[in-house]
Amino acid sequence: MTIDRAVMAFAGLVVLVSLALAQTQSPLWLLLTAFVGLNLIQASFTGFCPAAMVFKRLGVKAGKAFT
């Protein structure tokens, strides 16, 4: 698995968990979904992604987007 795929999988997981928490706990959890979406948009323009930096430190091999 590359950093690119790990970031996408992590973002998808966070969105799904956020939606489940919004359904069962509080609608305020939808703010987490919005944060993930905004972070993905800014990462596509700037190339800066904190999750990619964490995965790189964990030893996940580089992909094409986050080197």
N, C-alpha and C. Protein backbone atom coordinates (compact mmCIF):
# COMPACT_ATOMS: atom_id res chain seq x y z
N MET A 1 0.85 -1.18 0.00
CA MET A 1 0.00 0.00 0.00
C MET A 1 0.90 1.23 0.00
N THR A 2 0.53 2.21 -0.81
CA THR A 2 1.30 3.44 -0.88
C THR A 2 0.65 4.50 0.02
N ILE A 3 1.37 5.59 0.22
CA ILE A 3 0.85 6.69 1.03
C ILE A 3 -0.44 7.23 0.43
N ASP A 4 -0.49 7.32 -0.90
CA ASP A 4 -1.69 7.84 -1.57
C ASP A 4 -2.93 7.03 -1.20
N ARG A 5 -2.80 5.72 -1.30
CA ARG A 5 -3.93 4.85 -0.98
C ARG A 5 -4.24 4.86 0.51
N ALA A 6 -3.21 4.95 1.34
CA ALA A 6 -3.43 4.99 2.78
C ALA A 6 -4.19 6.26 3.17
N VAL A 7 -3.85 7.38 2.56
CA VAL A 7 -4.54 8.64 2.86
C VAL A 7 -6.00 8.55 2.43
N MET A 8 -6.25 8.00 1.25
CA MET A 8 -7.64 7.88 0.78
C MET A 8 -8.44 6.93 1.67
N ALA A 9 -7.83 5.81 2.06
CA ALA A 9 -8.51 4.86 2.94
C ALA A 9 -8.80 5.48 4.30
N PHE A 10 -7.83 6.20 4.84
CA PHE A 10 -8.01 6.85 6.14
C PHE A 10 -9.11 7.92 6.07
N ALA A 11 -9.11 8.72 5.01
CA ALA A 11 -10.13 9.75 4.85
C ALA A 11 -11.51 9.11 4.74
N GLY A 12 -11.63 8.05 3.97
CA GLY A 12 -12.91 7.36 3.84
C GLY A 12 -13.38 6.79 5.16
N LEU A 13 -12.46 6.21 5.92
CA LEU A 13 -12.82 5.66 7.22
C LEU A 13 -13.30 6.74 8.17
N VAL A 14 -12.59 7.87 8.20
CA VAL A 14 -12.98 8.96 9.09
C VAL A 14 -14.35 9.51 8.70
N VAL A 15 -14.62 9.62 7.41
CA VAL A 15 -15.93 10.11 6.96
C VAL A 15 -17.03 9.15 7.40
N LEU A 16 -16.82 7.84 7.21
CA LEU A 16 -17.84 6.87 7.60
C LEU A 16 -18.07 6.85 9.10
N VAL A 17 -17.00 6.93 9.88
CA VAL A 17 -17.14 6.97 11.34
C VAL A 17 -17.86 8.24 11.76
N SER A 18 -17.53 9.35 11.12
CA SER A 18 -18.18 10.62 11.43
C SER A 18 -19.68 10.56 11.13
N LEU A 19 -20.03 9.96 10.00
CA LEU A 19 -21.45 9.83 9.66
C LEU A 19 -22.18 8.94 10.64
N ALA A 20 -21.55 7.85 11.07
CA ALA A 20 -22.18 6.97 12.05
C ALA A 20 -22.37 7.68 13.38
N LEU A 21 -21.36 8.44 13.80
CA LEU A 21 -21.48 9.19 15.06
C LEU A 21 -22.53 10.29 14.96
N ALA A 22 -22.64 10.93 13.80
CA ALA A 22 -23.66 11.96 13.63
C ALA A 22 -25.05 11.35 13.69
N GLN A 23 -25.20 10.15 13.20
CA GLN A 23 -26.50 9.48 13.21
C GLN A 23 -26.89 9.02 14.62
N THR A 24 -25.90 8.57 15.40
CA THR A 24 -26.20 7.97 16.69
C THR A 24 -25.97 8.91 17.88
N GLN A 25 -25.08 9.88 17.75
CA GLN A 25 -24.71 10.70 18.90
C GLN A 25 -25.17 12.15 18.76
N SER A 26 -24.55 12.86 17.81
CA SER A 26 -24.83 14.29 17.65
C SER A 26 -24.53 14.71 16.22
N PRO A 27 -25.39 15.55 15.65
CA PRO A 27 -25.13 16.04 14.29
C PRO A 27 -23.85 16.88 14.18
N LEU A 28 -23.31 17.31 15.30
CA LEU A 28 -22.08 18.09 15.27
C LEU A 28 -20.89 17.29 14.73
N TRP A 29 -21.01 15.96 14.74
CA TRP A 29 -19.95 15.12 14.17
C TRP A 29 -19.80 15.34 12.67
N LEU A 30 -20.80 15.94 12.03
CA LEU A 30 -20.70 16.23 10.60
C LEU A 30 -19.61 17.28 10.33
N LEU A 31 -19.24 18.03 11.35
CA LEU A 31 -18.13 18.98 11.19
C LEU A 31 -16.83 18.24 10.89
N LEU A 32 -16.67 17.05 11.44
CA LEU A 32 -15.48 16.25 11.14
C LEU A 32 -15.47 15.85 9.67
N THR A 33 -16.64 15.48 9.14
CA THR A 33 -16.74 15.15 7.73
C THR A 33 -16.37 16.36 6.87
N ALA A 34 -16.85 17.53 7.25
CA ALA A 34 -16.53 18.76 6.51
C ALA A 34 -15.03 19.04 6.59
N PHE A 35 -14.42 18.82 7.74
CA PHE A 35 -12.99 19.04 7.90
C PHE A 35 -12.19 18.13 6.97
N VAL A 36 -12.58 16.86 6.90
CA VAL A 36 -11.88 15.91 6.04
C VAL A 36 -12.00 16.35 4.58
N GLY A 37 -13.19 16.76 4.18
CA GLY A 37 -13.38 17.22 2.80
C GLY A 37 -12.55 18.44 2.47
N LEU A 38 -12.54 19.40 3.37
CA LEU A 38 -11.74 20.61 3.15
C LEU A 38 -10.26 20.30 3.11
N ASN A 39 -9.82 19.38 3.97
CA ASN A 39 -8.41 19.00 3.98
C ASN A 39 -8.01 18.31 2.68
N LEU A 40 -8.90 17.48 2.14
CA LEU A 40 -8.61 16.82 0.87
C LEU A 40 -8.52 17.84 -0.26
N ILE A 41 -9.38 18.83 -0.25
CA ILE A 41 -9.35 19.87 -1.28
C ILE A 41 -8.06 20.67 -1.19
N GLN A 42 -7.69 21.11 0.01
CA GLN A 42 -6.47 21.92 0.13
C GLN A 42 -5.25 21.08 -0.19
N ALA A 43 -5.24 19.80 0.14
CA ALA A 43 -4.10 18.94 -0.18
C ALA A 43 -3.94 18.77 -1.69
N SER A 44 -5.06 18.77 -2.41
CA SER A 44 -4.97 18.62 -3.86
C SER A 44 -4.32 19.85 -4.51
N PHE A 45 -4.47 21.01 -3.89
CA PHE A 45 -3.87 22.22 -4.44
C PHE A 45 -2.45 22.47 -3.93
N THR A 46 -2.22 22.19 -2.65
CA THR A 46 -0.93 22.54 -2.04
C THR A 46 0.04 21.37 -1.95
N GLY A 47 -0.47 20.14 -1.91
CA GLY A 47 0.39 18.98 -1.72
C GLY A 47 0.74 18.73 -0.27
N PHE A 48 0.24 19.57 0.64
CA PHE A 48 0.50 19.41 2.07
C PHE A 48 -0.63 18.61 2.71
N CYS A 49 -0.29 17.47 3.30
CA CYS A 49 -1.29 16.63 3.95
C CYS A 49 -0.69 16.06 5.23
N PRO A 50 -1.21 16.46 6.38
CA PRO A 50 -0.67 15.93 7.64
C PRO A 50 -0.76 14.41 7.74
N ALA A 51 -1.83 13.83 7.23
CA ALA A 51 -1.97 12.37 7.29
C ALA A 51 -0.86 11.69 6.47
N ALA A 52 -0.53 12.26 5.32
CA ALA A 52 0.54 11.70 4.50
C ALA A 52 1.87 11.76 5.24
N MET A 53 2.09 12.83 5.98
CA MET A 53 3.33 12.95 6.76
C MET A 53 3.40 11.86 7.84
N VAL A 54 2.27 11.59 8.48
CA VAL A 54 2.23 10.55 9.51
C VAL A 54 2.48 9.18 8.89
N PHE A 55 1.82 8.89 7.78
CA PHE A 55 2.03 7.60 7.12
C PHE A 55 3.47 7.44 6.65
N LYS A 56 4.10 8.52 6.21
CA LYS A 56 5.49 8.45 5.78
C LYS A 56 6.39 8.09 6.95
N ARG A 57 6.12 8.69 8.11
CA ARG A 57 6.93 8.38 9.31
C ARG A 57 6.70 6.96 9.80
N LEU A 58 5.52 6.42 9.49
CA LEU A 58 5.23 5.04 9.87
C LEU A 58 5.85 4.03 8.92
N GLY A 59 6.49 4.54 7.85
CA GLY A 59 7.21 3.66 6.95
C GLY A 59 6.43 3.19 5.74
N VAL A 60 5.28 3.81 5.48
CA VAL A 60 4.52 3.44 4.28
C VAL A 60 5.27 3.99 3.07
N LYS A 61 5.39 3.17 2.02
CA LYS A 61 6.18 3.61 0.86
C LYS A 61 5.46 4.72 0.10
N ALA A 62 6.25 5.58 -0.51
CA ALA A 62 5.73 6.75 -1.21
C ALA A 62 4.98 6.34 -2.47
N GLY A 63 3.98 7.16 -2.80
CA GLY A 63 3.24 6.96 -4.03
C GLY A 63 3.59 8.06 -5.00
N LYS A 64 2.66 8.40 -5.86
CA LYS A 64 2.91 9.45 -6.86
C LYS A 64 2.49 10.83 -6.36
N ALA A 65 1.46 10.90 -5.53
CA ALA A 65 0.95 12.21 -5.09
C ALA A 65 1.77 12.78 -3.94
N PHE A 66 2.05 11.97 -2.95
CA PHE A 66 2.75 12.46 -1.76
C PHE A 66 4.12 11.79 -1.70
N THR A 67 5.15 12.51 -2.14
CA THR A 67 6.50 11.93 -2.15
C THR A 67 7.35 12.53 -1.07
